[in-house]
Amino acid sequence: MIIRNEQQYNTTKEWLRKFEQSVAGIESDESLRADPLRWKLYRDAYQSQVDEFLEEIAEYERLINCDKTQPIKIKVENFNKLPDVLVKARIAAKMSQKELADILGIEEQRVIECEDKDYQCASFIEVLNASEALGIEFKDAFVQVDFEEIEEFKEVAQEWRQLEQEKKNIRAKAS
């Protein structure tokens, strides 16, 4: 998850506090410690969530506190994470969704919708326009083509097409 605004930031901090209290409770629970495996599973699960919250909070704070006189680097793990980069760039620019909409000449609701849906509803041109308006530039970018993944996708797509055809055949027979 990515923290997108001050409300989500405050909510995440509150959940962090609750999970930290839970971890402390688990660590001091002698009856739970009697079963070391169960204790470790509980503690690790809660600690994992604490760690995730801490990472999200640190990234949001890095973005809102960045020096706007210097470019900021935002890591893109893969192409599917490009929407996160758009949101992070907007936050780092201390730009509201309305300000971005005004720059792009679109309604604020459209920016909200795109961000809420991880830009899946946006056209490629809208993504390009937003990235340009936010000053996003790829520096020394490499992509990796995974040929095994291509073959797996082909198989899944073929299976999906077969299922769709079978559904059509069943509907045709039922008519």
Protein backbone atom coordinates (compact mmCIF):
# COMPACT_ATOMS: atom_id res chain seq x y z
CA MET A 1 0.00 0.00 0.00
CA ILE A 2 1.03 3.59 -0.48
CA ILE A 3 0.03 6.43 1.82
CA ARG A 4 -1.62 8.99 -0.48
CA ASN A 5 -2.62 11.80 1.87
CA GLU A 6 -2.47 13.21 5.39
CA GLN A 7 -5.59 11.32 6.51
CA GLN A 8 -4.11 7.97 5.43
CA TYR A 9 -0.81 8.99 7.06
CA ASN A 10 -2.52 9.62 10.41
CA THR A 11 -4.57 6.42 10.14
CA THR A 12 -1.44 4.39 9.37
CA LYS A 13 0.34 5.90 12.39
CA GLU A 14 -2.62 4.92 14.57
CA TRP A 15 -2.61 1.35 13.23
CA LEU A 16 1.16 1.22 13.77
CA ARG A 17 0.67 2.15 17.43
CA LYS A 18 -1.98 -0.57 17.83
CA PHE A 19 0.17 -3.23 16.19
CA GLU A 20 3.21 -2.22 18.26
CA GLN A 21 1.07 -2.65 21.38
CA SER A 22 0.00 -6.07 20.11
CA VAL A 23 3.62 -7.11 19.55
CA ALA A 24 4.48 -5.97 23.08
CA GLY A 25 1.51 -7.95 24.41
CA ILE A 26 2.56 -11.06 22.52
CA GLU A 27 6.14 -10.74 23.77
CA SER A 28 4.98 -10.55 27.39
CA ASP A 29 2.33 -13.27 27.14
CA GLU A 30 3.81 -16.15 29.17
CA SER A 31 1.00 -18.57 28.28
CA LEU A 32 1.66 -17.98 24.56
CA ARG A 33 5.41 -18.37 25.12
CA ALA A 34 4.72 -21.89 26.40
CA ASP A 35 4.24 -22.87 22.76
CA PRO A 36 7.35 -21.35 21.07
CA LEU A 37 6.23 -22.09 17.52
CA ARG A 38 2.82 -20.51 18.01
CA TRP A 39 4.40 -17.54 19.82
CA LYS A 40 6.86 -17.00 16.95
CA LEU A 41 4.11 -17.21 14.32
CA TYR A 42 1.97 -14.63 16.14
CA ARG A 43 4.87 -12.31 16.86
CA ASP A 44 6.30 -12.53 13.34
CA ALA A 45 2.90 -11.86 11.76
CA TYR A 46 2.31 -8.76 13.85
CA GLN A 47 5.93 -7.59 13.54
CA SER A 48 5.72 -7.95 9.77
CA GLN A 49 2.77 -5.55 9.72
CA VAL A 50 4.63 -3.13 12.01
CA ASP A 51 7.60 -3.20 9.63
CA GLU A 52 5.34 -2.54 6.64
CA PHE A 53 3.67 0.42 8.38
CA LEU A 54 7.09 1.84 9.32
CA GLU A 55 8.25 1.62 5.69
CA GLU A 56 5.08 3.29 4.41
CA ILE A 57 5.33 6.09 6.98
CA ALA A 58 9.04 6.65 6.28
CA GLU A 59 8.41 6.87 2.52
CA TYR A 60 5.53 9.31 2.96
CA GLU A 61 7.62 11.48 5.30
CA ARG A 62 10.51 11.38 2.82
CA LEU A 63 8.18 12.61 0.10
CA ILE A 64 6.48 15.39 2.05
CA ASN A 65 9.79 16.61 3.51
CA CYS A 66 11.89 16.48 0.35
CA ASP A 67 13.86 19.49 -0.84
CA LYS A 68 12.00 20.80 -3.90
CA THR A 69 15.18 22.47 -5.14
CA GLN A 70 16.66 19.02 -5.82
CA PRO A 71 15.29 16.17 -7.93
CA ILE A 72 13.99 13.25 -5.89
CA LYS A 73 14.54 9.63 -6.85
CA ILE A 74 11.58 7.30 -6.61
CA LYS A 75 12.25 3.61 -7.09
CA VAL A 76 10.08 1.68 -9.53
CA GLU A 77 10.17 -2.04 -8.74
CA ASN A 78 8.34 -2.92 -11.95
CA PHE A 79 6.17 -1.35 -14.61
CA ASN A 80 3.03 -2.25 -12.66
CA LYS A 81 4.20 0.15 -9.94
CA LEU A 82 4.21 3.18 -12.24
CA PRO A 83 0.92 4.44 -10.72
CA ASP A 84 2.62 4.58 -7.31
CA VAL A 85 5.36 6.74 -8.83
CA LEU A 86 2.77 9.19 -10.15
CA VAL A 87 1.18 9.52 -6.71
CA LYS A 88 4.54 9.77 -4.95
CA ALA A 89 5.73 12.44 -7.39
CA ARG A 90 2.58 14.46 -6.79
CA ILE A 91 3.04 14.19 -3.02
CA ALA A 92 6.73 15.13 -3.23
CA ALA A 93 5.79 18.15 -5.37
CA LYS A 94 3.39 19.11 -2.58
CA MET A 95 0.71 19.24 -5.24
CA SER A 96 -2.93 18.51 -4.51
CA GLN A 97 -5.06 16.39 -6.78
CA LYS A 98 -6.90 19.58 -7.74
CA GLU A 99 -3.66 21.33 -8.69
CA LEU A 100 -2.64 18.39 -10.89
CA ALA A 101 -6.09 18.40 -12.50
CA ASP A 102 -5.82 22.13 -13.20
CA ILE A 103 -2.41 21.67 -14.83
CA LEU A 104 -3.75 18.83 -16.97
CA GLY A 105 -6.95 20.71 -17.81
CA ILE A 106 -9.20 17.99 -16.42
CA GLU A 107 -11.64 17.66 -13.54
CA GLU A 108 -10.24 16.96 -10.07
CA GLN A 109 -12.57 13.96 -9.85
CA ARG A 110 -10.73 12.37 -12.79
CA VAL A 111 -7.37 12.58 -10.95
CA ILE A 112 -8.99 11.15 -7.82
CA GLU A 113 -10.50 8.32 -9.85
CA CYS A 114 -7.19 7.55 -11.58
CA GLU A 115 -5.28 7.48 -8.29
CA ASP A 116 -7.94 5.43 -6.50
CA LYS A 117 -7.86 2.88 -9.31
CA ASP A 118 -4.06 2.87 -9.67
CA TYR A 119 -4.43 4.56 -13.07
CA GLN A 120 -6.04 1.40 -14.51
CA CYS A 121 -8.87 3.55 -15.86
CA ALA A 122 -6.48 6.05 -17.43
CA SER A 123 -5.48 6.02 -21.06
CA PHE A 124 -1.82 5.77 -21.95
CA ILE A 125 -1.91 9.43 -23.03
CA GLU A 126 -3.33 10.43 -19.62
CA VAL A 127 -0.52 8.57 -17.87
CA LEU A 128 2.07 10.24 -20.10
CA ASN A 129 0.51 13.67 -19.52
CA ALA A 130 0.45 13.17 -15.76
CA SER A 131 4.05 11.95 -15.71
CA GLU A 132 5.14 14.97 -17.76
CA ALA A 133 3.19 17.39 -15.55
CA LEU A 134 4.88 15.84 -12.52
CA GLY A 135 8.35 16.09 -14.04
CA ILE A 136 8.91 12.35 -14.03
CA GLU A 137 11.94 11.28 -16.05
CA PHE A 138 13.39 7.81 -16.35
CA LYS A 139 17.12 7.82 -15.68
CA ASP A 140 19.24 4.81 -16.63
CA ALA A 141 16.15 2.64 -16.86
CA PHE A 142 16.43 -0.98 -17.87
CA VAL A 143 13.72 -3.50 -18.42
CA GLN A 144 14.03 -7.24 -18.27
CA VAL A 145 12.09 -9.44 -20.64
CA ASP A 146 11.11 -12.68 -18.93
CA PHE A 147 10.48 -15.21 -21.69
CA GLU A 148 9.19 -17.85 -19.27
CA GLU A 149 6.58 -15.38 -18.06
CA ILE A 150 5.56 -14.73 -21.68
CA GLU A 151 4.97 -18.45 -22.21
CA GLU A 152 3.03 -18.75 -18.95
CA PHE A 153 0.87 -15.80 -19.98
CA LYS A 154 0.19 -17.39 -23.35
CA GLU A 155 -1.01 -20.56 -21.63
CA VAL A 156 -3.26 -18.69 -19.20
CA ALA A 157 -4.68 -16.57 -22.02
CA GLN A 158 -5.39 -19.69 -24.09
CA GLU A 159 -7.14 -21.37 -21.15
CA TRP A 160 -9.20 -18.24 -20.56
CA ARG A 161 -10.22 -18.05 -24.23
CA GLN A 162 -11.24 -21.73 -24.13
CA LEU A 163 -13.40 -21.14 -21.04
CA GLU A 164 -15.04 -18.15 -22.69
CA GLN A 165 -15.78 -20.21 -25.80
CA GLU A 166 -17.25 -23.00 -23.68
CA LYS A 167 -19.53 -20.46 -21.95
CA LYS A 168 -20.69 -19.15 -25.32
CA ASN A 169 -21.38 -22.71 -26.50
CA ILE A 170 -23.43 -23.48 -23.37
CA ARG A 171 -25.44 -20.26 -23.77
CA ALA A 172 -26.04 -21.05 -27.44
CA LYS A 173 -27.32 -24.54 -26.57
CA ALA A 174 -29.55 -23.14 -23.82
CA SER A 175 -31.17 -20.65 -26.23
